[in-house]
Amino acid sequence: MFLKTVGFLAIPLLLLHAGSALAFVDGEVLVGNRWYQLDTTPKENVTSQEIMAAAHIDPIPFVPVSFGADVTLGTLKKGDLPYSGISQAKTFEAALDVMAWIPMVPVITPYVRVRLPVVGTWTEEFTAPDINGNSVKYEATSKISGYDLHVGAKWSPIPLVRIMAEVGKGMETLKPDEYKVAGTKTSIPDSKSQDLGSSLFMVGVEVGI
């Protein structure tokens, strides 16, 4: 009788674990801030308001790891940049995105996210007078490379929907790539790369299928 009771109680637990491990697809949208530390003298801290959209597939049953991609758009705070006259400053990243989590934890699900940018750009636009005193538009684009490591937690208020919060660190490099004057490409004033560390906090929602 005891064995039958244990077996009866174990069935829903096994089904719950199996259901959490079966392959699934998810989509995520997160918003928050990133704080870049520019490797300048003196060092500059630049705030970026970011929005990230990501999608993953969990292809291996009973293995809590999913693989996917994300796109992240950032708007840099112009007043934080180490020079004046900036009219627009933004970042763009398209990255490979791998997540791993700890299943069966009560209430929340802790997770880790690793991001590897495939395409990353940092673009600044500004207007300044040329040698003749005419107002000219300048555009400088740099490449972002490296990786991000995030940790966070998910909470599911209703089935298939999870509220997310995560913090992260970026270990990246910024290298000048293109310089335009009045829409015409020209030589890059400074092609030296620099370290681009950052910290991040984001909240969002995940929907699973």
C-alpha atoms as a PDB file:
ATOM      1  CA  MET A   1       0.000   0.000   0.000  1.00  0.00           C
ATOM      2  CA  PHE A   2       2.843   2.365   0.930  1.00  0.00           C
ATOM      3  CA  LEU A   3       4.627   1.735  -2.370  1.00  0.00           C
ATOM      4  CA  LYS A   4       1.406   2.344  -4.309  1.00  0.00           C
ATOM      5  CA  THR A   5       0.890   5.655  -2.499  1.00  0.00           C
ATOM      6  CA  VAL A   6       4.473   6.784  -3.161  1.00  0.00           C
ATOM      7  CA  GLY A   7       4.124   5.789  -6.794  1.00  0.00           C
ATOM      8  CA  PHE A   8       0.837   7.652  -7.120  1.00  0.00           C
ATOM      9  CA  LEU A   9       2.332  10.826  -5.624  1.00  0.00           C
ATOM     10  CA  ALA A  10       5.480  10.555  -7.748  1.00  0.00           C
ATOM     11  CA  ILE A  11       3.599  10.513 -11.058  1.00  0.00           C
ATOM     12  CA  PRO A  12       2.594  14.210 -11.108  1.00  0.00           C
ATOM     13  CA  LEU A  13       6.075  15.234  -9.966  1.00  0.00           C
ATOM     14  CA  LEU A  14       7.678  13.261 -12.778  1.00  0.00           C
ATOM     15  CA  LEU A  15       5.229  14.702 -15.279  1.00  0.00           C
ATOM     16  CA  LEU A  16       5.983  18.208 -14.012  1.00  0.00           C
ATOM     17  CA  HIS A  17       9.710  17.645 -14.379  1.00  0.00           C
ATOM     18  CA  ALA A  18       9.306  16.085 -17.806  1.00  0.00           C
ATOM     19  CA  GLY A  19       7.096  18.946 -18.936  1.00  0.00           C
ATOM     20  CA  SER A  20       9.706  21.472 -17.869  1.00  0.00           C
ATOM     21  CA  ALA A  21      12.406  19.566 -19.729  1.00  0.00           C
ATOM     22  CA  LEU A  22      10.645  18.967 -23.026  1.00  0.00           C
ATOM     23  CA  ALA A  23      11.681  21.040 -26.024  1.00  0.00           C
ATOM     24  CA  PHE A  24      10.020  24.443 -26.189  1.00  0.00           C
ATOM     25  CA  VAL A  25      10.328  27.811 -27.888  1.00  0.00           C
ATOM     26  CA  ASP A  26      10.313  31.110 -26.021  1.00  0.00           C
ATOM     27  CA  GLY A  27      10.300  34.793 -26.866  1.00  0.00           C
ATOM     28  CA  GLU A  28      11.530  37.568 -24.574  1.00  0.00           C
ATOM     29  CA  VAL A  29      11.402  41.352 -24.404  1.00  0.00           C
ATOM     30  CA  LEU A  30      13.498  43.166 -21.785  1.00  0.00           C
ATOM     31  CA  VAL A  31      14.190  46.839 -21.064  1.00  0.00           C
ATOM     32  CA  GLY A  32      16.667  48.517 -18.762  1.00  0.00           C
ATOM     33  CA  ASN A  33      19.944  50.397 -18.481  1.00  0.00           C
ATOM     34  CA  ARG A  34      23.545  49.569 -19.263  1.00  0.00           C
ATOM     35  CA  TRP A  35      26.429  51.555 -17.827  1.00  0.00           C
ATOM     36  CA  TYR A  36      29.513  51.588 -20.057  1.00  0.00           C
ATOM     37  CA  GLN A  37      32.979  52.369 -18.763  1.00  0.00           C
ATOM     38  CA  LEU A  38      34.939  53.972 -21.597  1.00  0.00           C
ATOM     39  CA  ASP A  39      38.686  53.376 -21.431  1.00  0.00           C
ATOM     40  CA  THR A  40      39.582  57.042 -21.745  1.00  0.00           C
ATOM     41  CA  THR A  41      41.645  59.416 -19.594  1.00  0.00           C
ATOM     42  CA  PRO A  42      39.923  60.158 -17.300  1.00  0.00           C
ATOM     43  CA  LYS A  43      37.588  57.168 -17.549  1.00  0.00           C
ATOM     44  CA  GLU A  44      34.040  58.017 -18.615  1.00  0.00           C
ATOM     45  CA  ASN A  45      30.793  56.313 -17.561  1.00  0.00           C
ATOM     46  CA  VAL A  46      28.099  56.408 -20.251  1.00  0.00           C
ATOM     47  CA  THR A  47      24.491  55.366 -19.609  1.00  0.00           C
ATOM     48  CA  SER A  48      22.591  53.501 -22.322  1.00  0.00           C
ATOM     49  CA  GLN A  49      18.833  52.881 -22.262  1.00  0.00           C
ATOM     50  CA  GLU A  50      18.378  49.460 -23.852  1.00  0.00           C
ATOM     51  CA  ILE A  51      15.662  47.200 -25.199  1.00  0.00           C
ATOM     52  CA  MET A  52      16.356  43.578 -26.087  1.00  0.00           C
ATOM     53  CA  ALA A  53      14.249  41.056 -27.995  1.00  0.00           C
ATOM     54  CA  ALA A  54      15.329  37.408 -27.859  1.00  0.00           C
ATOM     55  CA  ALA A  55      14.103  33.962 -28.889  1.00  0.00           C
ATOM     56  CA  HIS A  56      15.329  30.494 -27.886  1.00  0.00           C
ATOM     57  CA  ILE A  57      14.685  26.833 -28.482  1.00  0.00           C
ATOM     58  CA  ASP A  58      15.299  24.131 -25.864  1.00  0.00           C
ATOM     59  CA  PRO A  59      16.076  21.142 -28.122  1.00  0.00           C
ATOM     60  CA  ILE A  60      17.365  18.565 -25.631  1.00  0.00           C
ATOM     61  CA  PRO A  61      14.841  16.971 -23.232  1.00  0.00           C
ATOM     62  CA  PHE A  62      15.890  16.916 -19.563  1.00  0.00           C
ATOM     63  CA  VAL A  63      18.815  19.292 -20.256  1.00  0.00           C
ATOM     64  CA  PRO A  64      17.988  22.849 -19.000  1.00  0.00           C
ATOM     65  CA  VAL A  65      19.856  24.715 -21.738  1.00  0.00           C
ATOM     66  CA  SER A  66      18.390  26.706 -24.624  1.00  0.00           C
ATOM     67  CA  PHE A  67      19.980  28.250 -27.700  1.00  0.00           C
ATOM     68  CA  GLY A  68      18.891  31.319 -29.615  1.00  0.00           C
ATOM     69  CA  ALA A  69      19.614  34.869 -30.673  1.00  0.00           C
ATOM     70  CA  ASP A  70      18.804  38.389 -29.608  1.00  0.00           C
ATOM     71  CA  VAL A  71      18.776  41.930 -30.960  1.00  0.00           C
ATOM     72  CA  THR A  72      19.588  44.806 -28.608  1.00  0.00           C
ATOM     73  CA  LEU A  73      19.129  48.518 -29.296  1.00  0.00           C
ATOM     74  CA  GLY A  74      20.698  51.142 -27.053  1.00  0.00           C
ATOM     75  CA  THR A  75      20.318  54.911 -26.817  1.00  0.00           C
ATOM     76  CA  LEU A  76      23.383  56.519 -25.263  1.00  0.00           C
ATOM     77  CA  LYS A  77      23.009  59.498 -22.945  1.00  0.00           C
ATOM     78  CA  LYS A  78      24.634  62.298 -24.918  1.00  0.00           C
ATOM     79  CA  GLY A  79      25.584  64.298 -21.840  1.00  0.00           C
ATOM     80  CA  ASP A  80      27.728  61.401 -20.584  1.00  0.00           C
ATOM     81  CA  LEU A  81      29.965  61.309 -23.659  1.00  0.00           C
ATOM     82  CA  PRO A  82      33.407  62.936 -23.289  1.00  0.00           C
ATOM     83  CA  TYR A  83      32.773  65.607 -25.953  1.00  0.00           C
ATOM     84  CA  SER A  84      30.026  68.071 -26.815  1.00  0.00           C
ATOM     85  CA  GLY A  85      27.909  68.620 -29.906  1.00  0.00           C
ATOM     86  CA  ILE A  86      26.540  65.046 -30.178  1.00  0.00           C
ATOM     87  CA  SER A  87      23.133  65.019 -31.850  1.00  0.00           C
ATOM     88  CA  GLN A  88      22.610  61.241 -31.714  1.00  0.00           C
ATOM     89  CA  ALA A  89      24.420  58.312 -30.136  1.00  0.00           C
ATOM     90  CA  LYS A  90      23.240  54.715 -30.280  1.00  0.00           C
ATOM     91  CA  THR A  91      24.313  51.078 -30.153  1.00  0.00           C
ATOM     92  CA  PHE A  92      23.126  47.981 -31.994  1.00  0.00           C
ATOM     93  CA  GLU A  93      23.929  44.336 -31.317  1.00  0.00           C
ATOM     94  CA  ALA A  94      22.775  41.088 -32.931  1.00  0.00           C
ATOM     95  CA  ALA A  95      24.068  38.252 -30.772  1.00  0.00           C
ATOM     96  CA  LEU A  96      24.021  34.519 -30.243  1.00  0.00           C
ATOM     97  CA  ASP A  97      22.281  33.885 -26.937  1.00  0.00           C
ATOM     98  CA  VAL A  98      22.648  30.789 -24.731  1.00  0.00           C
ATOM     99  CA  MET A  99      20.673  30.317 -21.511  1.00  0.00           C
ATOM    100  CA  ALA A 100      20.916  27.714 -18.742  1.00  0.00           C
ATOM    101  CA  TRP A 101      18.683  27.477 -15.690  1.00  0.00           C
ATOM    102  CA  ILE A 102      18.081  25.503 -12.493  1.00  0.00           C
ATOM    103  CA  PRO A 103      14.695  23.715 -12.672  1.00  0.00           C
ATOM    104  CA  MET A 104      12.473  22.722  -9.744  1.00  0.00           C
ATOM    105  CA  VAL A 105      13.498  25.675  -7.535  1.00  0.00           C
ATOM    106  CA  PRO A 106      10.452  26.912  -5.545  1.00  0.00           C
ATOM    107  CA  VAL A 107       8.785  30.148  -6.700  1.00  0.00           C
ATOM    108  CA  ILE A 108      11.584  31.396  -8.998  1.00  0.00           C
ATOM    109  CA  THR A 109      13.856  29.909 -11.653  1.00  0.00           C
ATOM    110  CA  PRO A 110      17.479  31.132 -11.516  1.00  0.00           C
ATOM    111  CA  TYR A 111      19.273  31.354 -14.868  1.00  0.00           C
ATOM    112  CA  VAL A 112      22.480  32.377 -16.607  1.00  0.00           C
ATOM    113  CA  ARG A 113      22.703  34.012 -20.042  1.00  0.00           C
ATOM    114  CA  VAL A 114      25.813  34.252 -22.241  1.00  0.00           C
ATOM    115  CA  ARG A 115      25.722  36.636 -25.230  1.00  0.00           C
ATOM    116  CA  LEU A 116      28.200  36.639 -28.105  1.00  0.00           C
ATOM    117  CA  PRO A 117      27.657  39.593 -30.480  1.00  0.00           C
ATOM    118  CA  VAL A 118      27.886  38.638 -34.156  1.00  0.00           C
ATOM    119  CA  VAL A 119      27.286  42.230 -35.244  1.00  0.00           C
ATOM    120  CA  GLY A 120      27.815  45.163 -32.904  1.00  0.00           C
ATOM    121  CA  THR A 121      28.042  48.904 -33.619  1.00  0.00           C
ATOM    122  CA  TRP A 122      28.435  52.117 -31.642  1.00  0.00           C
ATOM    123  CA  THR A 123      27.403  55.146 -33.728  1.00  0.00           C
ATOM    124  CA  GLU A 124      27.735  58.837 -32.939  1.00  0.00           C
ATOM    125  CA  GLU A 125      26.487  61.742 -35.038  1.00  0.00           C
ATOM    126  CA  PHE A 126      27.431  65.369 -34.472  1.00  0.00           C
ATOM    127  CA  THR A 127      27.574  68.677 -36.304  1.00  0.00           C
ATOM    128  CA  ALA A 128      30.586  70.996 -36.211  1.00  0.00           C
ATOM    129  CA  PRO A 129      32.008  73.841 -38.323  1.00  0.00           C
ATOM    130  CA  ASP A 130      34.642  73.025 -40.926  1.00  0.00           C
ATOM    131  CA  ILE A 131      37.713  75.162 -41.706  1.00  0.00           C
ATOM    132  CA  ASN A 132      35.478  77.562 -43.677  1.00  0.00           C
ATOM    133  CA  GLY A 133      33.027  77.954 -40.823  1.00  0.00           C
ATOM    134  CA  ASN A 134      30.300  75.934 -42.529  1.00  0.00           C
ATOM    135  CA  SER A 135      28.220  73.546 -40.428  1.00  0.00           C
ATOM    136  CA  VAL A 136      29.095  69.939 -41.364  1.00  0.00           C
ATOM    137  CA  LYS A 137      27.620  66.639 -40.210  1.00  0.00           C
ATOM    138  CA  TYR A 138      30.042  64.002 -38.954  1.00  0.00           C
ATOM    139  CA  GLU A 139      29.279  60.327 -38.288  1.00  0.00           C
ATOM    140  CA  ALA A 140      31.621  57.932 -36.475  1.00  0.00           C
ATOM    141  CA  THR A 141      30.926  54.187 -36.255  1.00  0.00           C
ATOM    142  CA  SER A 142      32.854  51.690 -34.152  1.00  0.00           C
ATOM    143  CA  LYS A 143      32.573  47.911 -33.897  1.00  0.00           C
ATOM    144  CA  ILE A 144      31.657  46.189 -30.635  1.00  0.00           C
ATOM    145  CA  SER A 145      33.038  42.697 -30.001  1.00  0.00           C
ATOM    146  CA  GLY A 146      33.431  40.421 -26.973  1.00  0.00           C
ATOM    147  CA  TYR A 147      30.805  38.812 -24.773  1.00  0.00           C
ATOM    148  CA  ASP A 148      28.261  39.437 -22.003  1.00  0.00           C
ATOM    149  CA  LEU A 149      27.501  37.331 -18.934  1.00  0.00           C
ATOM    150  CA  HIS A 150      24.115  37.803 -17.231  1.00  0.00           C
ATOM    151  CA  VAL A 151      22.456  36.177 -14.226  1.00  0.00           C
ATOM    152  CA  GLY A 152      18.794  36.482 -13.351  1.00  0.00           C
ATOM    153  CA  ALA A 153      15.588  34.928 -12.127  1.00  0.00           C
ATOM    154  CA  LYS A 154      12.166  34.183 -13.640  1.00  0.00           C
ATOM    155  CA  TRP A 155       8.780  34.047 -11.911  1.00  0.00           C
ATOM    156  CA  SER A 156       5.676  32.617 -13.563  1.00  0.00           C
ATOM    157  CA  PRO A 157       2.417  34.299 -12.421  1.00  0.00           C
ATOM    158  CA  ILE A 158       0.415  32.333 -15.003  1.00  0.00           C
ATOM    159  CA  PRO A 159       1.270  29.309 -17.174  1.00  0.00           C
ATOM    160  CA  LEU A 160       3.648  30.005 -20.092  1.00  0.00           C
ATOM    161  CA  VAL A 161       4.344  33.585 -18.983  1.00  0.00           C
ATOM    162  CA  ARG A 162       7.383  34.511 -16.876  1.00  0.00           C
ATOM    163  CA  ILE A 163       8.475  37.813 -15.385  1.00  0.00           C
ATOM    164  CA  MET A 164      12.261  38.276 -15.643  1.00  0.00           C
ATOM    165  CA  ALA A 165      14.914  40.355 -13.903  1.00  0.00           C
ATOM    166  CA  GLU A 166      18.632  40.125 -14.606  1.00  0.00           C
ATOM    167  CA  VAL A 167      21.965  41.825 -14.030  1.00  0.00           C
ATOM    168  CA  GLY A 168      24.987  41.487 -16.263  1.00  0.00           C
ATOM    169  CA  LYS A 169      28.569  42.370 -17.059  1.00  0.00           C
ATOM    170  CA  GLY A 170      29.950  43.164 -20.488  1.00  0.00           C
ATOM    171  CA  MET A 171      33.529  42.295 -21.405  1.00  0.00           C
ATOM    172  CA  GLU A 172      33.806  43.919 -24.818  1.00  0.00           C
ATOM    173  CA  THR A 173      36.083  45.943 -27.072  1.00  0.00           C
ATOM    174  CA  LEU A 174      35.330  49.084 -29.078  1.00  0.00           C
ATOM    175  CA  LYS A 175      37.261  49.592 -32.343  1.00  0.00           C
ATOM    176  CA  PRO A 176      36.741  52.535 -34.765  1.00  0.00           C
ATOM    177  CA  ASP A 177      35.440  51.255 -38.106  1.00  0.00           C
ATOM    178  CA  GLU A 178      34.092  54.103 -40.260  1.00  0.00           C
ATOM    179  CA  TYR A 179      34.183  57.890 -40.311  1.00  0.00           C
ATOM    180  CA  LYS A 180      32.016  60.109 -42.538  1.00  0.00           C
ATOM    181  CA  VAL A 181      32.155  63.838 -43.184  1.00  0.00           C
ATOM    182  CA  ALA A 182      29.050  65.260 -44.899  1.00  0.00           C
ATOM    183  CA  GLY A 183      28.104  61.712 -45.928  1.00  0.00           C
ATOM    184  CA  THR A 184      31.512  60.927 -47.480  1.00  0.00           C
ATOM    185  CA  LYS A 185      33.792  58.278 -46.023  1.00  0.00           C
ATOM    186  CA  THR A 186      37.191  59.525 -44.986  1.00  0.00           C
ATOM    187  CA  SER A 187      40.189  58.317 -43.000  1.00  0.00           C
ATOM    188  CA  ILE A 188      39.553  57.435 -39.367  1.00  0.00           C
ATOM    189  CA  PRO A 189      41.110  60.032 -37.032  1.00  0.00           C
ATOM    190  CA  ASP A 190      41.955  57.405 -34.400  1.00  0.00           C
ATOM    191  CA  SER A 191      41.840  53.674 -35.177  1.00  0.00           C
ATOM    192  CA  LYS A 192      43.029  52.498 -31.760  1.00  0.00           C
ATOM    193  CA  SER A 193      40.705  50.016 -30.029  1.00  0.00           C
ATOM    194  CA  GLN A 194      39.754  50.347 -26.374  1.00  0.00           C
ATOM    195  CA  ASP A 195      38.301  48.161 -23.651  1.00  0.00           C
ATOM    196  CA  LEU A 196      34.548  48.556 -23.206  1.00  0.00           C
ATOM    197  CA  GLY A 197      33.398  47.208 -19.877  1.00  0.00           C
ATOM    198  CA  SER A 198      29.790  47.576 -18.775  1.00  0.00           C
ATOM    199  CA  SER A 199      27.226  46.621 -16.160  1.00  0.00           C
ATOM    200  CA  LEU A 200      23.532  46.101 -16.808  1.00  0.00           C
ATOM    201  CA  PHE A 201      20.115  45.758 -15.183  1.00  0.00           C
ATOM    202  CA  MET A 202      17.011  44.707 -17.142  1.00  0.00           C
ATOM    203  CA  VAL A 203      13.461  43.534 -16.492  1.00  0.00           C
ATOM    204  CA  GLY A 204      11.068  41.944 -18.939  1.00  0.00           C
ATOM    205  CA  VAL A 205       8.697  39.173 -19.853  1.00  0.00           C
ATOM    206  CA  GLU A 206       9.115  35.757 -21.453  1.00  0.00           C
ATOM    207  CA  VAL A 207       6.385  33.808 -23.227  1.00  0.00           C
ATOM    208  CA  GLY A 208       6.878  30.091 -23.855  1.00  0.00           C
ATOM    209  CA  ILE A 209       5.254  27.845 -26.427  1.00  0.00           C
END
